[in-house]
Structure formats: structure tokens, C-alpha cells
Amino acid sequence: MSHRVVKSLGDREGWVAVADLASDLATASDGDRADTASETASDRDAERRRYRIRLHHVDLPALADRGVIVWHRTEGVVRLSDRSANAAAGPFDRDAAERSERGITDPQRRAVLDIVREAAPKPVTRDHLAREVAPSGDAAGDAATERVAIQLHHCHLPKLDEAGVIRYDSEAGSVSYRGPTESPAVQSAE
């Protein structure tokens, strides 16, 4: 859905209320469904609420982490970053946006991204990430950490590297953050 968020923001200028963005996305999805005539106002409100929740917890944090948007969380407004606004003038690459969204919205990848961003500009090791991300209190202990390290190496870290948010040196087992070290709230003060 992140590609739809970027496209919707690209169609507007300046700051957009998150509630308005959710409403736009919900309205656009109405056209994707066959039978909207039988929907009640309550159904439409519930759909807008679902979009608002997903925006707040999934799409906007992921896009802000990548520097695609600037998001004032406390004020509930968002806009394309200057870099993205300039890129929006060119053709929209839906496939690239979907690859990027899949790379960042996974909960385990978001946890990794948070740890790596917190450590920036210093790199962290894959083993450190595995210990941090592995379930705590797991009776398997070292085995669970090893499983997570394998998942990180073969799946999560390459996808985050492909999405452009980290650099992963698989031979050294080193991970570093590519994006800005400020939180999205600090970025929005620019």
C-alpha cells in the first residue's frame, strides 16, 4: 500500500492531514470493490479507520524511515520529502515501491531497522541483532538465536539492503544504517 500513499501524496501539494489521506485511500479502494452501494456510512467510517491505523503503524513509519515522506506525528500531517517530490515528477515505479514496502513492513525487519538506526553511525553485527531480535525467555536459548541469525542472513538483511535502508556486508556480518539518523519527528522540523 505504500506505493498508493506516495502516489496520493504526489497528487497533492504541501501538508496533508493523515485523516484526509486515509479517507482518500479508502475512497480509492471503493472503486476496487464491486459492491459499494450496499455499504453503510458505518462501513465507510470503519474502512477509513482501518486505513488510518495502517498508515500510522505501518506505512508512514516505513516511508519516513526511508526519507520518502516528512511526517509530523503530533500534528497528524504528512508530505512528500523534497527528494521524493522531485522524483514524483518522473514516472512512478510501482514494482520498486512494492519491493520497498515488502522489505520494511515485516515486524522482524522493523525491529532490526530500529536497532541499526539507534546504533548509527556505528555498524552492528548480525550476531548482536540475532540476540536482540530472538524471543526472550525462549527455553531453546542459543538455538533460537541461531535460527534468527540464519533468518537474518538469508532473508531479512538482504531485503532491507535491497530496500536501501541498510548496508549488509554478509561476509563480515556487519550491518549499518543508510538513512538519516534523526527520527521522523526530528526530520519534520527541517
N, C-alpha and C. Protein backbone atom coordinates (compact mmCIF):
# COMPACT_ATOMS: atom_id res chain seq x y z
N MET A 1 0.82 -1.20 0.00
CA MET A 1 0.00 0.00 0.00
C MET A 1 0.86 1.26 0.00
N SER A 2 2.13 1.17 0.39
CA SER A 2 2.97 2.36 0.45
C SER A 2 3.03 3.09 -0.89
N HIS A 3 3.03 2.33 -1.98
CA HIS A 3 3.06 2.98 -3.30
C HIS A 3 1.82 3.84 -3.51
N ARG A 4 0.68 3.40 -2.98
CA ARG A 4 -0.55 4.20 -3.11
C ARG A 4 -0.47 5.46 -2.26
N VAL A 5 0.19 5.37 -1.10
CA VAL A 5 0.37 6.54 -0.24
C VAL A 5 1.23 7.57 -0.97
N VAL A 6 2.34 7.12 -1.54
CA VAL A 6 3.24 8.04 -2.25
C VAL A 6 2.53 8.67 -3.45
N LYS A 7 1.80 7.86 -4.18
CA LYS A 7 1.07 8.38 -5.34
C LYS A 7 0.04 9.42 -4.91
N SER A 8 -0.70 9.13 -3.84
CA SER A 8 -1.71 10.07 -3.35
C SER A 8 -1.07 11.38 -2.89
N LEU A 9 0.05 11.28 -2.18
CA LEU A 9 0.75 12.50 -1.73
C LEU A 9 1.33 13.26 -2.92
N GLY A 10 1.77 12.52 -3.94
CA GLY A 10 2.32 13.16 -5.13
C GLY A 10 1.27 13.93 -5.92
N ASP A 11 0.00 13.54 -5.74
CA ASP A 11 -1.09 14.24 -6.43
C ASP A 11 -1.49 15.53 -5.72
N ARG A 12 -0.93 15.76 -4.53
CA ARG A 12 -1.28 16.95 -3.74
C ARG A 12 -0.03 17.78 -3.47
N GLU A 13 -0.23 19.00 -3.09
CA GLU A 13 0.89 19.86 -2.72
C GLU A 13 0.83 20.16 -1.24
N GLY A 14 1.99 20.24 -0.62
CA GLY A 14 2.09 20.64 0.78
C GLY A 14 1.66 19.56 1.75
N TRP A 15 1.34 20.01 2.95
CA TRP A 15 0.98 19.10 4.04
C TRP A 15 -0.42 18.54 3.85
N VAL A 16 -0.59 17.26 4.19
CA VAL A 16 -1.87 16.59 4.08
C VAL A 16 -2.19 15.97 5.44
N ALA A 17 -3.40 16.17 5.94
CA ALA A 17 -3.82 15.54 7.19
C ALA A 17 -3.87 14.03 6.97
N VAL A 18 -3.35 13.28 7.94
CA VAL A 18 -3.35 11.82 7.84
C VAL A 18 -4.78 11.31 7.70
N ALA A 19 -5.72 11.93 8.40
CA ALA A 19 -7.13 11.52 8.30
C ALA A 19 -7.64 11.71 6.86
N ASP A 20 -7.24 12.81 6.20
CA ASP A 20 -7.66 13.04 4.81
C ASP A 20 -7.01 12.03 3.88
N LEU A 21 -5.75 11.71 4.14
CA LEU A 21 -5.05 10.71 3.33
C LEU A 21 -5.74 9.35 3.46
N ALA A 22 -6.10 8.98 4.69
CA ALA A 22 -6.81 7.71 4.92
C ALA A 22 -8.14 7.70 4.19
N SER A 23 -8.83 8.82 4.23
CA SER A 23 -10.12 8.91 3.55
C SER A 23 -9.94 8.78 2.03
N ASP A 24 -8.90 9.44 1.48
CA ASP A 24 -8.62 9.33 0.04
C ASP A 24 -8.34 7.88 -0.35
N LEU A 25 -7.52 7.21 0.45
CA LEU A 25 -7.16 5.82 0.14
C LEU A 25 -8.37 4.90 0.24
N ALA A 26 -9.21 5.13 1.25
CA ALA A 26 -10.42 4.32 1.40
C ALA A 26 -11.37 4.55 0.24
N THR A 27 -11.51 5.80 -0.17
CA THR A 27 -12.38 6.12 -1.30
C THR A 27 -11.85 5.49 -2.58
N ALA A 28 -10.53 5.54 -2.77
CA ALA A 28 -9.93 4.93 -3.97
C ALA A 28 -10.14 3.43 -3.96
N SER A 29 -10.10 2.81 -2.78
CA SER A 29 -10.29 1.35 -2.72
C SER A 29 -11.76 0.99 -2.96
N ASP A 30 -12.68 1.94 -2.75
CA ASP A 30 -14.09 1.67 -3.05
C ASP A 30 -14.26 1.30 -4.52
N GLY A 31 -13.49 1.97 -5.37
CA GLY A 31 -13.56 1.68 -6.80
C GLY A 31 -13.04 0.30 -7.14
N ASP A 32 -12.18 -0.25 -6.26
CA ASP A 32 -11.63 -1.59 -6.48
C ASP A 32 -12.62 -2.68 -6.10
N ARG A 33 -13.62 -2.34 -5.30
CA ARG A 33 -14.59 -3.33 -4.86
C ARG A 33 -15.83 -3.26 -5.74
N ALA A 34 -16.44 -4.38 -5.93
CA ALA A 34 -17.59 -4.46 -6.85
C ALA A 34 -18.85 -3.85 -6.25
N ASP A 35 -19.20 -4.19 -5.02
CA ASP A 35 -20.49 -3.79 -4.48
C ASP A 35 -20.33 -2.79 -3.34
N THR A 36 -20.29 -1.49 -3.69
CA THR A 36 -20.17 -0.46 -2.66
C THR A 36 -21.51 0.18 -2.37
N ALA A 37 -22.51 -0.09 -3.17
CA ALA A 37 -23.83 0.52 -2.98
C ALA A 37 -24.47 0.06 -1.67
N SER A 38 -24.20 -1.16 -1.26
CA SER A 38 -24.83 -1.68 -0.05
C SER A 38 -24.07 -1.29 1.22
N GLU A 39 -22.94 -0.61 1.06
CA GLU A 39 -22.19 -0.20 2.25
C GLU A 39 -22.91 0.92 2.99
N THR A 40 -22.84 0.87 4.30
CA THR A 40 -23.44 1.92 5.12
C THR A 40 -22.38 2.94 5.46
N ALA A 41 -22.81 4.05 6.01
CA ALA A 41 -21.88 5.08 6.46
C ALA A 41 -20.95 4.50 7.53
N SER A 42 -21.49 3.63 8.36
CA SER A 42 -20.69 2.99 9.40
C SER A 42 -19.59 2.12 8.78
N ASP A 43 -19.91 1.42 7.70
CA ASP A 43 -18.90 0.60 6.99
C ASP A 43 -17.79 1.49 6.44
N ARG A 44 -18.17 2.61 5.85
CA ARG A 44 -17.17 3.52 5.28
C ARG A 44 -16.30 4.12 6.38
N ASP A 45 -16.90 4.48 7.52
CA ASP A 45 -16.12 5.00 8.65
C ASP A 45 -15.14 3.95 9.16
N ALA A 46 -15.58 2.71 9.24
CA ALA A 46 -14.70 1.63 9.71
C ALA A 46 -13.54 1.44 8.73
N GLU A 47 -13.82 1.54 7.44
CA GLU A 47 -12.76 1.40 6.42
C GLU A 47 -11.75 2.53 6.56
N ARG A 48 -12.21 3.77 6.72
CA ARG A 48 -11.30 4.90 6.91
C ARG A 48 -10.46 4.72 8.17
N ARG A 49 -11.07 4.22 9.24
CA ARG A 49 -10.35 3.97 10.49
C ARG A 49 -9.26 2.92 10.28
N ARG A 50 -9.58 1.84 9.54
CA ARG A 50 -8.58 0.80 9.25
C ARG A 50 -7.40 1.39 8.47
N TYR A 51 -7.70 2.23 7.49
CA TYR A 51 -6.63 2.87 6.74
C TYR A 51 -5.79 3.78 7.62
N ARG A 52 -6.43 4.57 8.48
CA ARG A 52 -5.71 5.47 9.38
C ARG A 52 -4.78 4.69 10.30
N ILE A 53 -5.25 3.57 10.82
CA ILE A 53 -4.43 2.75 11.73
C ILE A 53 -3.24 2.17 10.96
N ARG A 54 -3.50 1.64 9.77
CA ARG A 54 -2.40 1.07 8.99
C ARG A 54 -1.38 2.16 8.61
N LEU A 55 -1.86 3.33 8.22
CA LEU A 55 -0.95 4.42 7.90
C LEU A 55 -0.07 4.75 9.09
N HIS A 56 -0.69 4.91 10.25
CA HIS A 56 0.04 5.31 11.45
C HIS A 56 1.05 4.27 11.91
N HIS A 57 0.70 3.00 11.83
CA HIS A 57 1.56 1.96 12.39
C HIS A 57 2.47 1.25 11.39
N VAL A 58 2.15 1.33 10.10
CA VAL A 58 2.94 0.58 9.12
C VAL A 58 3.53 1.50 8.05
N ASP A 59 2.69 2.07 7.23
CA ASP A 59 3.16 2.76 6.04
C ASP A 59 3.92 4.05 6.33
N LEU A 60 3.38 4.93 7.15
CA LEU A 60 4.06 6.20 7.40
C LEU A 60 5.40 6.01 8.11
N PRO A 61 5.50 5.14 9.14
CA PRO A 61 6.83 4.94 9.73
C PRO A 61 7.84 4.39 8.72
N ALA A 62 7.42 3.45 7.90
CA ALA A 62 8.33 2.86 6.92
C ALA A 62 8.79 3.92 5.90
N LEU A 63 7.86 4.71 5.40
CA LEU A 63 8.20 5.73 4.42
C LEU A 63 9.05 6.85 5.04
N ALA A 64 8.77 7.20 6.28
CA ALA A 64 9.57 8.22 6.97
C ALA A 64 10.99 7.71 7.22
N ASP A 65 11.12 6.44 7.59
CA ASP A 65 12.45 5.85 7.81
C ASP A 65 13.30 5.92 6.56
N ARG A 66 12.68 5.78 5.40
CA ARG A 66 13.41 5.80 4.13
C ARG A 66 13.62 7.22 3.61
N GLY A 67 13.04 8.21 4.29
CA GLY A 67 13.20 9.59 3.83
C GLY A 67 12.29 9.94 2.68
N VAL A 68 11.26 9.13 2.43
CA VAL A 68 10.34 9.38 1.33
C VAL A 68 9.34 10.46 1.70
N ILE A 69 8.96 10.49 2.98
CA ILE A 69 7.99 11.48 3.46
C ILE A 69 8.55 12.20 4.68
N VAL A 70 7.90 13.31 5.00
CA VAL A 70 8.13 14.01 6.26
C VAL A 70 6.81 13.94 6.99
N TRP A 71 6.85 13.48 8.24
CA TRP A 71 5.63 13.21 8.99
C TRP A 71 5.67 13.91 10.34
N HIS A 72 4.72 14.82 10.56
CA HIS A 72 4.53 15.45 11.87
C HIS A 72 3.52 14.58 12.62
N ARG A 73 4.01 13.65 13.41
CA ARG A 73 3.11 12.73 14.10
C ARG A 73 2.15 13.47 15.03
N THR A 74 2.69 14.40 15.81
CA THR A 74 1.85 15.08 16.80
C THR A 74 0.78 15.94 16.17
N GLU A 75 1.06 16.49 14.99
CA GLU A 75 0.08 17.33 14.31
C GLU A 75 -0.79 16.55 13.34
N GLY A 76 -0.40 15.29 13.09
CA GLY A 76 -1.20 14.45 12.21
C GLY A 76 -1.17 14.85 10.76
N VAL A 77 -0.02 15.38 10.28
CA VAL A 77 0.11 15.78 8.89
C VAL A 77 1.36 15.14 8.27
N VAL A 78 1.33 15.02 6.95
CA VAL A 78 2.41 14.37 6.22
C VAL A 78 2.56 15.04 4.85
N ARG A 79 3.76 14.98 4.30
CA ARG A 79 4.00 15.45 2.94
C ARG A 79 5.17 14.66 2.37
N LEU A 80 5.31 14.69 1.04
CA LEU A 80 6.48 14.08 0.43
C LEU A 80 7.71 14.87 0.83
N SER A 81 8.83 14.18 1.02
CA SER A 81 10.08 14.89 1.29
C SER A 81 10.47 15.63 0.01
N ASP A 82 11.36 16.58 0.13
CA ASP A 82 11.79 17.34 -1.05
C ASP A 82 12.37 16.41 -2.10
N ARG A 83 13.14 15.41 -1.66
CA ARG A 83 13.74 14.44 -2.58
C ARG A 83 12.65 13.67 -3.32
N SER A 84 11.63 13.23 -2.59
CA SER A 84 10.55 12.46 -3.21
C SER A 84 9.66 13.32 -4.09
N ALA A 85 9.46 14.56 -3.70
CA ALA A 85 8.63 15.46 -4.52
C ALA A 85 9.29 15.67 -5.88
N ASN A 86 10.62 15.78 -5.89
CA ASN A 86 11.32 15.93 -7.16
C ASN A 86 11.24 14.65 -7.97
N ALA A 87 11.36 13.50 -7.31
CA ALA A 87 11.28 12.22 -8.00
C ALA A 87 9.86 11.96 -8.50
N ALA A 88 8.87 12.50 -7.80
CA ALA A 88 7.47 12.26 -8.18
C ALA A 88 7.15 12.89 -9.53
N ALA A 89 7.98 13.84 -9.93
CA ALA A 89 7.75 14.46 -11.23
C ALA A 89 8.02 13.46 -12.36
N GLY A 90 8.83 12.41 -12.07
CA GLY A 90 9.13 11.39 -13.06
C GLY A 90 8.10 10.28 -13.00
N PRO A 91 8.31 9.23 -13.79
CA PRO A 91 7.36 8.12 -13.80
C PRO A 91 7.36 7.37 -12.47
N PHE A 92 6.22 6.91 -12.05
CA PHE A 92 6.07 6.18 -10.79
C PHE A 92 6.39 4.71 -11.02
N ASP A 93 7.32 4.17 -10.24
CA ASP A 93 7.74 2.78 -10.38
C ASP A 93 7.01 1.94 -9.33
N ARG A 94 5.86 1.41 -9.70
CA ARG A 94 5.03 0.64 -8.76
C ARG A 94 5.76 -0.61 -8.26
N ASP A 95 6.47 -1.30 -9.13
CA ASP A 95 7.19 -2.51 -8.71
C ASP A 95 8.25 -2.18 -7.66
N ALA A 96 8.99 -1.10 -7.87
CA ALA A 96 10.02 -0.71 -6.90
C ALA A 96 9.37 -0.34 -5.57
N ALA A 97 8.25 0.36 -5.61
CA ALA A 97 7.56 0.74 -4.38
C ALA A 97 7.06 -0.49 -3.63
N GLU A 98 6.53 -1.46 -4.35
CA GLU A 98 6.05 -2.68 -3.68
C GLU A 98 7.20 -3.48 -3.09
N ARG A 99 8.34 -3.55 -3.80
CA ARG A 99 9.51 -4.26 -3.25
C ARG A 99 9.97 -3.58 -1.98
N SER A 100 9.99 -2.26 -1.99
CA SER A 100 10.42 -1.50 -0.83
C SER A 100 9.46 -1.70 0.34
N GLU A 101 8.17 -1.68 0.07
CA GLU A 101 7.17 -1.87 1.12
C GLU A 101 7.32 -3.24 1.77
N ARG A 102 7.47 -4.28 0.95
CA ARG A 102 7.63 -5.64 1.49
C ARG A 102 8.90 -5.73 2.33
N GLY A 103 9.92 -4.98 1.95
CA GLY A 103 11.19 -5.04 2.67
C GLY A 103 11.13 -4.42 4.04
N ILE A 104 10.24 -3.49 4.25
CA ILE A 104 10.25 -2.73 5.50
C ILE A 104 9.09 -3.05 6.43
N THR A 105 7.98 -3.51 5.96
CA THR A 105 6.81 -3.66 6.82
C THR A 105 6.80 -4.92 7.67
N ASP A 106 7.67 -5.88 7.40
CA ASP A 106 7.74 -7.08 8.23
C ASP A 106 8.15 -6.68 9.66
N PRO A 107 7.46 -7.17 10.70
CA PRO A 107 7.77 -6.76 12.07
C PRO A 107 9.21 -7.06 12.49
N GLN A 108 9.75 -8.20 12.07
CA GLN A 108 11.13 -8.52 12.45
C GLN A 108 12.11 -7.56 11.76
N ARG A 109 11.83 -7.20 10.53
CA ARG A 109 12.69 -6.25 9.82
C ARG A 109 12.59 -4.86 10.44
N ARG A 110 11.39 -4.49 10.88
CA ARG A 110 11.24 -3.18 11.54
C ARG A 110 12.04 -3.16 12.84
N ALA A 111 12.04 -4.27 13.59
CA ALA A 111 12.83 -4.34 14.82
C ALA A 111 14.32 -4.19 14.51
N VAL A 112 14.78 -4.88 13.48
CA VAL A 112 16.18 -4.78 13.06
C VAL A 112 16.50 -3.35 12.67
N LEU A 113 15.63 -2.74 11.89
CA LEU A 113 15.85 -1.37 11.45
C LEU A 113 15.95 -0.42 12.64
N ASP A 114 15.09 -0.59 13.63
CA ASP A 114 15.14 0.26 14.82
C ASP A 114 16.48 0.12 15.54
N ILE A 115 16.97 -1.10 15.69
CA ILE A 115 18.24 -1.35 16.39
C ILE A 115 19.40 -0.73 15.61
N VAL A 116 19.41 -0.96 14.30
CA VAL A 116 20.51 -0.45 13.47
C VAL A 116 20.49 1.08 13.43
N ARG A 117 19.30 1.66 13.33
CA ARG A 117 19.18 3.13 13.31
C ARG A 117 19.65 3.73 14.63
N GLU A 118 19.31 3.07 15.74
CA GLU A 118 19.72 3.56 17.05
C GLU A 118 21.23 3.56 17.20
N ALA A 119 21.90 2.57 16.61
CA ALA A 119 23.36 2.44 16.72
C ALA A 119 24.10 3.37 15.77
N ALA A 120 23.41 3.90 14.75
CA ALA A 120 24.07 4.71 13.73
C ALA A 120 24.83 5.87 14.38
N PRO A 121 25.98 6.19 13.86
CA PRO A 121 26.57 5.75 12.60
C PRO A 121 27.42 4.47 12.73
N LYS A 122 27.49 3.92 13.92
CA LYS A 122 28.28 2.70 14.10
C LYS A 122 27.53 1.49 13.55
N PRO A 123 28.27 0.56 12.91
CA PRO A 123 27.61 -0.67 12.44
C PRO A 123 27.37 -1.62 13.61
N VAL A 124 26.47 -2.56 13.44
CA VAL A 124 26.22 -3.61 14.42
C VAL A 124 26.45 -4.95 13.73
N THR A 125 26.68 -5.97 14.52
CA THR A 125 26.91 -7.29 13.93
C THR A 125 25.60 -8.04 13.78
N ARG A 126 25.59 -8.95 12.85
CA ARG A 126 24.43 -9.81 12.65
C ARG A 126 24.14 -10.61 13.92
N ASP A 127 25.19 -11.06 14.62
CA ASP A 127 25.01 -11.83 15.85
C ASP A 127 24.35 -10.98 16.94
N HIS A 128 24.74 -9.72 17.03
CA HIS A 128 24.10 -8.82 18.01
C HIS A 128 22.62 -8.66 17.69
N LEU A 129 22.32 -8.45 16.41
CA LEU A 129 20.92 -8.32 16.00
C LEU A 129 20.13 -9.58 16.34
N ALA A 130 20.72 -10.74 16.08
CA ALA A 130 20.04 -12.01 16.37
C ALA A 130 19.71 -12.13 17.85
N ARG A 131 20.66 -11.74 18.71
CA ARG A 131 20.41 -11.81 20.16
C ARG A 131 19.30 -10.85 20.58
N GLU A 132 19.26 -9.67 19.95
CA GLU A 132 18.25 -8.67 20.29
C GLU A 132 16.86 -9.03 19.77
N VAL A 133 16.81 -9.64 18.60
CA VAL A 133 15.53 -9.92 17.94
C VAL A 133 14.94 -11.26 18.37
N ALA A 134 15.78 -12.21 18.78
CA ALA A 134 15.30 -13.53 19.18
C ALA A 134 14.33 -13.40 20.35
N PRO A 135 13.33 -14.25 20.41
CA PRO A 135 12.37 -14.19 21.52
C PRO A 135 13.08 -14.36 22.86
N SER A 136 12.76 -13.46 23.79
CA SER A 136 13.39 -13.57 25.11
C SER A 136 12.65 -14.61 25.94
N GLY A 137 13.38 -15.26 26.82
CA GLY A 137 12.78 -16.27 27.69
C GLY A 137 12.51 -17.57 26.96
N ASP A 138 13.02 -17.70 25.75
CA ASP A 138 12.83 -18.94 24.98
C ASP A 138 13.66 -20.04 25.61
N ALA A 139 13.05 -21.17 25.87
CA ALA A 139 13.75 -22.29 26.50
C ALA A 139 14.88 -22.79 25.62
N ALA A 140 14.76 -22.60 24.30
CA ALA A 140 15.79 -23.08 23.39
C ALA A 140 17.03 -22.20 23.43
N GLY A 141 16.90 -20.95 23.88
CA GLY A 141 18.02 -20.03 24.06
C GLY A 141 18.90 -19.88 22.85
N ASP A 142 20.09 -20.50 22.89
CA ASP A 142 21.07 -20.37 21.82
C ASP A 142 20.53 -20.88 20.48
N ALA A 143 19.73 -21.93 20.51
CA ALA A 143 19.17 -22.47 19.27
C ALA A 143 18.23 -21.45 18.62
N ALA A 144 17.44 -20.76 19.43
CA ALA A 144 16.53 -19.74 18.90
C ALA A 144 17.33 -18.58 18.31
N THR A 145 18.39 -18.17 18.99
CA THR A 145 19.23 -17.09 18.49
C THR A 145 19.88 -17.50 17.17
N GLU A 146 20.33 -18.73 17.09
CA GLU A 146 20.94 -19.23 15.85
C GLU A 146 19.92 -19.25 14.71
N ARG A 147 18.69 -19.67 14.99
CA ARG A 147 17.64 -19.66 13.96
C ARG A 147 17.39 -18.24 13.45
N VAL A 148 17.34 -17.30 14.37
CA VAL A 148 17.11 -15.90 13.99
C VAL A 148 18.30 -15.39 13.17
N ALA A 149 19.52 -15.74 13.57
CA ALA A 149 20.71 -15.31 12.82
C ALA A 149 20.65 -15.84 11.37
N ILE A 150 20.20 -17.07 11.21
CA ILE A 150 20.07 -17.66 9.87
C ILE A 150 19.00 -16.92 9.06
N GLN A 151 17.86 -16.63 9.70
CA GLN A 151 16.79 -15.89 9.03
C GLN A 151 17.27 -14.49 8.63
N LEU A 152 18.00 -13.84 9.54
CA LEU A 152 18.52 -12.51 9.23
C LEU A 152 19.45 -12.57 8.03
N HIS A 153 20.37 -13.53 8.04
CA HIS A 153 21.37 -13.63 6.99
C HIS A 153 20.76 -13.94 5.62
N HIS A 154 19.84 -14.87 5.58
CA HIS A 154 19.31 -15.32 4.30
C HIS A 154 18.08 -14.55 3.81
N CYS A 155 17.37 -13.89 4.70
CA CYS A 155 16.11 -13.27 4.30
C CYS A 155 16.05 -11.77 4.64
N HIS A 156 16.01 -11.45 5.93
CA HIS A 156 15.68 -10.09 6.37
C HIS A 156 16.74 -9.05 6.00
N LEU A 157 18.00 -9.32 6.28
CA LEU A 157 19.03 -8.32 5.99
C LEU A 157 19.20 -8.08 4.49
N PRO A 158 19.19 -9.11 3.65
CA PRO A 158 19.26 -8.82 2.21
C PRO A 158 18.06 -7.99 1.71
N LYS A 159 16.86 -8.25 2.26
CA LYS A 159 15.69 -7.47 1.82
C LYS A 159 15.79 -6.01 2.26
N LEU A 160 16.28 -5.78 3.48
CA LEU A 160 16.45 -4.41 3.95
C LEU A 160 17.55 -3.70 3.15
N ASP A 161 18.59 -4.44 2.79
CA ASP A 161 19.65 -3.87 1.95
C ASP A 161 19.09 -3.52 0.57
N GLU A 162 18.29 -4.41 0.01
CA GLU A 162 17.66 -4.16 -1.30
C GLU A 162 16.73 -2.96 -1.24
N ALA A 163 16.05 -2.78 -0.10
CA ALA A 163 15.13 -1.65 0.06
C ALA A 163 15.89 -0.33 0.24
N GLY A 164 17.22 -0.42 0.48
CA GLY A 164 18.03 0.78 0.57
C GLY A 164 18.10 1.42 1.94
N VAL A 165 17.69 0.72 2.98
CA VAL A 165 17.71 1.34 4.32
C VAL A 165 18.91 0.91 5.15
N ILE A 166 19.56 -0.19 4.79
CA ILE A 166 20.77 -0.62 5.49
C ILE A 166 21.81 -1.04 4.46
N ARG A 167 23.06 -1.18 4.93
CA ARG A 167 24.12 -1.84 4.16
C ARG A 167 24.45 -3.11 4.91
N TYR A 168 24.41 -4.22 4.21
CA TYR A 168 24.70 -5.51 4.83
C TYR A 168 25.92 -6.13 4.16
N ASP A 169 27.00 -6.29 4.94
CA ASP A 169 28.19 -6.99 4.47
C ASP A 169 28.07 -8.42 4.98
N SER A 170 27.60 -9.31 4.14
CA SER A 170 27.32 -10.68 4.57
C SER A 170 28.58 -11.42 4.98
N GLU A 171 29.72 -11.12 4.36
CA GLU A 171 30.96 -11.81 4.72
C GLU A 171 31.43 -11.40 6.11
N ALA A 172 31.36 -10.12 6.41
CA ALA A 172 31.80 -9.63 7.72
C ALA A 172 30.70 -9.74 8.77
N GLY A 173 29.46 -9.93 8.33
CA GLY A 173 28.34 -9.98 9.26
C GLY A 173 28.04 -8.63 9.88
N SER A 174 28.33 -7.57 9.12
CA SER A 174 28.20 -6.20 9.61
C SER A 174 27.00 -5.51 8.95
N VAL A 175 26.26 -4.75 9.75
CA VAL A 175 25.07 -4.06 9.28
C VAL A 175 25.16 -2.60 9.69
N SER A 176 24.97 -1.68 8.74
CA SER A 176 24.97 -0.26 9.07
C SER A 176 23.76 0.42 8.44
N TYR A 177 23.37 1.51 9.05
CA TYR A 177 22.18 2.26 8.62
C TYR A 177 22.55 3.20 7.48
N ARG A 178 21.73 3.26 6.43
CA ARG A 178 21.98 4.14 5.29
C ARG A 178 21.28 5.48 5.40
N GLY A 179 20.16 5.53 6.12
CA GLY A 179 19.33 6.73 6.14
C GLY A 179 19.78 7.74 7.16
N PRO A 180 19.02 8.83 7.28
CA PRO A 180 19.33 9.85 8.29
C PRO A 180 19.16 9.27 9.69
N THR A 181 19.96 9.76 10.64
CA THR A 181 19.92 9.23 12.00
C THR A 181 18.84 9.87 12.84
N GLU A 182 18.24 10.94 12.36
CA GLU A 182 17.17 11.56 13.13
C GLU A 182 15.87 10.78 12.99
N SER A 183 15.05 10.88 14.01
CA SER A 183 13.73 10.27 13.94
C SER A 183 12.87 11.04 12.96
N PRO A 184 11.78 10.46 12.46
CA PRO A 184 10.91 11.20 11.55
C PRO A 184 10.41 12.50 12.16
N ALA A 185 10.20 12.53 13.47
CA ALA A 185 9.73 13.76 14.11
C ALA A 185 10.78 14.85 13.99
N VAL A 186 12.08 14.49 14.16
CA VAL A 186 13.15 15.47 14.02
C VAL A 186 13.29 15.88 12.57
N GLN A 187 13.13 14.94 11.64
CA GLN A 187 13.22 15.27 10.22
C GLN A 187 12.16 16.30 9.84
N SER A 188 11.02 16.20 10.46
CA SER A 188 9.93 17.09 10.08
C SER A 188 10.17 18.52 10.52
N ALA A 189 11.16 18.75 11.36
CA ALA A 189 11.46 20.12 11.81
C ALA A 189 12.29 20.88 10.80
N GLU A 190 12.69 20.22 9.70
CA GLU A 190 13.53 20.87 8.69
C GLU A 190 12.86 22.05 8.03
